[in-house]
Amino acid sequence: MQDIVARIKEAAAAVEDLPSDLRPVAFRYVLEQLRSGDNAEHDAQANGGRRGSATAKGTRKSGRGRGSRVHVKLNVTGLRQFVGMKKPKNHEQRAAAIAAYFFQDGVKQIGGEHIRRAYAALRCKRPRNIAQILCNAHCRKDWFTAAGPDGLRELTDIGKDFLENM
């Protein structure tokens, strides 16, 4: 029990510098990370010292999951102001505006996780298939480069020109 109380205090200290609207989400995330550390140790003991979770015979582990996500830092107010200033009319334009915001902050390549987190920060309805939005913006508008092996894309000069005139 004391261990749980210590972890809750540790999580609260980690998120106290964040804006008040982000604290609950960040608190849950930090607690989940602390909890998953315990589960990783437990799983390693159960698997004879091997890290990772055990799978039942006949099941298969998918490569898609929480472990494959990219860590994304966001300045929420800056993102909201930037995207609000561009006034995108559809998901492709909003994705390009988000990419331009990340490019301005020094992030040269973005992926679906960047867009998903930005939509959450913007508090607007996100598309069901973010990868398809990025693919459409690449194929139809040529605003993004083709996805690399890691699934990340860059904003092209055409996309940058569109956003400057938006």
Protein backbone atom coordinates (compact mmCIF):
# COMPACT_ATOMS: atom_id res chain seq x y z
CA MET A 1 0.00 0.00 0.00
CA GLN A 2 2.83 2.39 0.82
CA ASP A 3 4.32 1.66 -2.59
CA ILE A 4 1.05 2.75 -4.27
CA VAL A 5 0.92 5.97 -2.24
CA ALA A 6 4.56 6.69 -3.13
CA ARG A 7 3.83 6.17 -6.84
CA ILE A 8 0.79 8.46 -6.72
CA LYS A 9 2.88 11.18 -5.06
CA GLU A 10 5.61 10.68 -7.66
CA ALA A 11 3.06 11.01 -10.50
CA ALA A 12 1.52 14.14 -8.94
CA ALA A 13 4.95 15.76 -8.63
CA ALA A 14 5.73 14.94 -12.27
CA VAL A 15 2.64 16.73 -13.64
CA GLU A 16 2.30 19.71 -11.31
CA ASP A 17 4.10 22.10 -13.71
CA LEU A 18 1.68 21.38 -16.57
CA PRO A 19 -1.36 23.54 -17.43
CA SER A 20 -4.43 22.57 -15.45
CA ASP A 21 -6.33 21.20 -18.47
CA LEU A 22 -3.55 18.68 -19.21
CA ARG A 23 -2.89 17.48 -15.65
CA PRO A 24 -5.53 14.69 -15.48
CA VAL A 25 -4.42 13.14 -18.76
CA ALA A 26 -0.73 13.46 -17.90
CA PHE A 27 -1.35 12.07 -14.40
CA ARG A 28 -3.04 8.96 -15.83
CA TYR A 29 -0.22 8.56 -18.35
CA VAL A 30 2.50 8.81 -15.68
CA LEU A 31 0.66 6.34 -13.44
CA GLU A 32 0.31 3.94 -16.38
CA GLN A 33 4.03 4.22 -17.09
CA LEU A 34 4.87 3.56 -13.46
CA ARG A 35 2.49 0.62 -13.42
CA SER A 36 3.80 -0.82 -16.68
CA GLY A 37 7.32 -0.79 -15.22
CA ASP A 38 6.11 -3.16 -12.49
CA ASN A 39 4.35 -5.35 -15.06
CA ALA A 40 7.52 -5.54 -17.19
CA GLU A 41 9.48 -6.81 -14.18
CA HIS A 42 6.70 -9.31 -13.35
CA ASP A 43 6.56 -10.51 -16.98
CA ALA A 44 10.34 -10.89 -17.09
CA GLN A 45 10.21 -13.15 -14.03
CA ALA A 46 7.32 -15.17 -15.48
CA ASN A 47 9.12 -15.61 -18.82
CA GLY A 48 12.31 -16.88 -17.28
CA GLY A 49 14.14 -13.56 -17.45
CA ARG A 50 12.98 -12.54 -20.93
CA ARG A 51 11.45 -9.06 -21.29
CA GLY A 52 8.04 -8.58 -22.91
CA SER A 53 4.72 -10.23 -22.37
CA ALA A 54 4.03 -13.89 -22.91
CA THR A 55 1.55 -14.89 -25.58
CA ALA A 56 -0.58 -17.98 -25.52
CA LYS A 57 0.16 -20.69 -28.05
CA GLY A 58 -1.66 -20.03 -31.28
CA THR A 59 -1.96 -16.28 -30.72
CA ARG A 60 0.19 -13.71 -32.34
CA LYS A 61 1.44 -10.37 -31.15
CA SER A 62 0.65 -7.46 -33.40
CA GLY A 63 3.36 -4.92 -34.22
CA ARG A 64 0.79 -2.18 -33.73
CA GLY A 65 0.27 -1.13 -30.17
CA ARG A 66 1.18 1.29 -27.45
CA GLY A 67 4.85 0.35 -27.61
CA SER A 68 5.19 1.66 -31.17
CA ARG A 69 4.00 5.19 -30.43
CA VAL A 70 6.17 8.23 -30.87
CA HIS A 71 6.75 10.58 -27.95
CA VAL A 72 5.26 13.94 -28.89
CA LYS A 73 5.72 17.19 -26.99
CA LEU A 74 3.15 19.90 -27.62
CA ASN A 75 2.74 23.54 -26.74
CA VAL A 76 -1.05 23.40 -26.71
CA THR A 77 -1.77 27.14 -26.79
CA GLY A 78 0.76 27.73 -29.56
CA LEU A 79 -0.71 24.90 -31.61
CA ARG A 80 -4.26 26.19 -31.15
CA GLN A 81 -3.25 29.72 -32.17
CA PHE A 82 -1.28 28.53 -35.20
CA VAL A 83 -3.98 26.21 -36.53
CA GLY A 84 -6.71 28.75 -35.70
CA MET A 85 -4.84 31.38 -37.68
CA LYS A 86 -4.70 29.08 -40.75
CA LYS A 87 -8.47 28.28 -40.58
CA PRO A 88 -8.31 24.83 -42.22
CA LYS A 89 -11.51 23.69 -43.93
CA ASN A 90 -10.92 19.91 -43.92
CA HIS A 91 -8.77 17.21 -42.34
CA GLU A 92 -6.07 17.38 -45.03
CA GLN A 93 -5.61 21.12 -44.51
CA ARG A 94 -5.63 20.67 -40.72
CA ALA A 95 -2.98 17.91 -40.98
CA ALA A 96 -0.82 20.18 -43.14
CA ALA A 97 -1.21 23.04 -40.65
CA ILE A 98 -0.25 20.71 -37.79
CA ALA A 99 2.78 19.53 -39.75
CA ALA A 100 3.79 23.16 -40.39
CA TYR A 101 3.50 23.87 -36.67
CA PHE A 102 5.77 20.91 -35.84
CA PHE A 103 8.19 21.98 -38.62
CA GLN A 104 8.30 25.46 -37.08
CA ASP A 105 9.18 23.83 -33.71
CA GLY A 106 12.05 21.89 -35.27
CA VAL A 107 10.36 18.52 -35.89
CA LYS A 108 11.15 17.70 -39.52
CA GLN A 109 9.12 14.47 -39.84
CA ILE A 110 5.66 13.69 -38.50
CA GLY A 111 3.50 10.61 -38.36
CA GLY A 112 0.04 9.58 -37.38
CA GLU A 113 0.85 9.83 -33.68
CA HIS A 114 1.83 13.50 -34.06
CA ILE A 115 -1.47 14.24 -35.80
CA ARG A 116 -3.49 12.21 -33.27
CA ARG A 117 -1.98 14.04 -30.30
CA ALA A 118 -2.44 17.40 -32.00
CA TYR A 119 -6.13 16.65 -32.68
CA ALA A 120 -6.53 15.76 -29.00
CA ALA A 121 -4.85 19.03 -28.00
CA LEU A 122 -7.03 20.99 -30.42
CA ARG A 123 -10.13 19.30 -29.00
CA CYS A 124 -11.68 18.78 -32.38
CA LYS A 125 -13.09 15.62 -33.88
CA ARG A 126 -10.30 13.57 -35.37
CA PRO A 127 -10.64 11.53 -38.54
CA ARG A 128 -11.21 7.80 -38.20
CA ASN A 129 -8.17 6.95 -40.29
CA ILE A 130 -5.35 9.46 -39.85
CA ALA A 131 -2.98 7.47 -42.06
CA GLN A 132 -5.47 7.78 -44.93
CA ILE A 133 -5.68 11.56 -44.45
CA LEU A 134 -1.89 11.81 -44.70
CA CYS A 135 -1.89 9.51 -47.73
CA ASN A 136 -4.58 11.61 -49.45
CA ALA A 137 -2.67 14.81 -48.72
CA HIS A 138 0.37 13.17 -50.32
CA CYS A 139 -1.31 11.58 -53.34
CA ARG A 140 -3.91 14.23 -54.20
CA LYS A 141 -2.26 17.45 -53.10
CA ASP A 142 1.45 16.53 -52.87
CA TRP A 143 1.71 18.33 -49.53
CA PHE A 144 3.66 15.50 -47.86
CA THR A 145 6.43 13.17 -48.91
CA ALA A 146 5.79 9.45 -49.17
CA ALA A 147 5.92 7.63 -45.84
CA GLY A 148 9.29 6.19 -44.99
CA PRO A 149 9.85 2.76 -43.44
CA ASP A 150 9.12 4.26 -40.02
CA GLY A 151 5.82 5.76 -41.25
CA LEU A 152 7.00 9.37 -40.93
CA ARG A 153 6.45 12.05 -43.56
CA GLU A 154 7.82 15.51 -44.28
CA LEU A 155 6.00 18.61 -45.47
CA THR A 156 6.94 19.33 -49.10
CA ASP A 157 7.64 22.76 -50.60
CA ILE A 158 4.20 22.64 -52.24
CA GLY A 159 2.62 22.07 -48.82
CA LYS A 160 4.65 24.92 -47.31
CA ASP A 161 3.61 27.26 -50.15
CA PHE A 162 -0.04 26.31 -49.67
CA LEU A 163 0.14 27.07 -45.97
CA GLU A 164 1.83 30.43 -46.53
CA ASN A 165 -1.06 31.46 -48.79
CA MET A 166 -3.74 30.01 -46.53
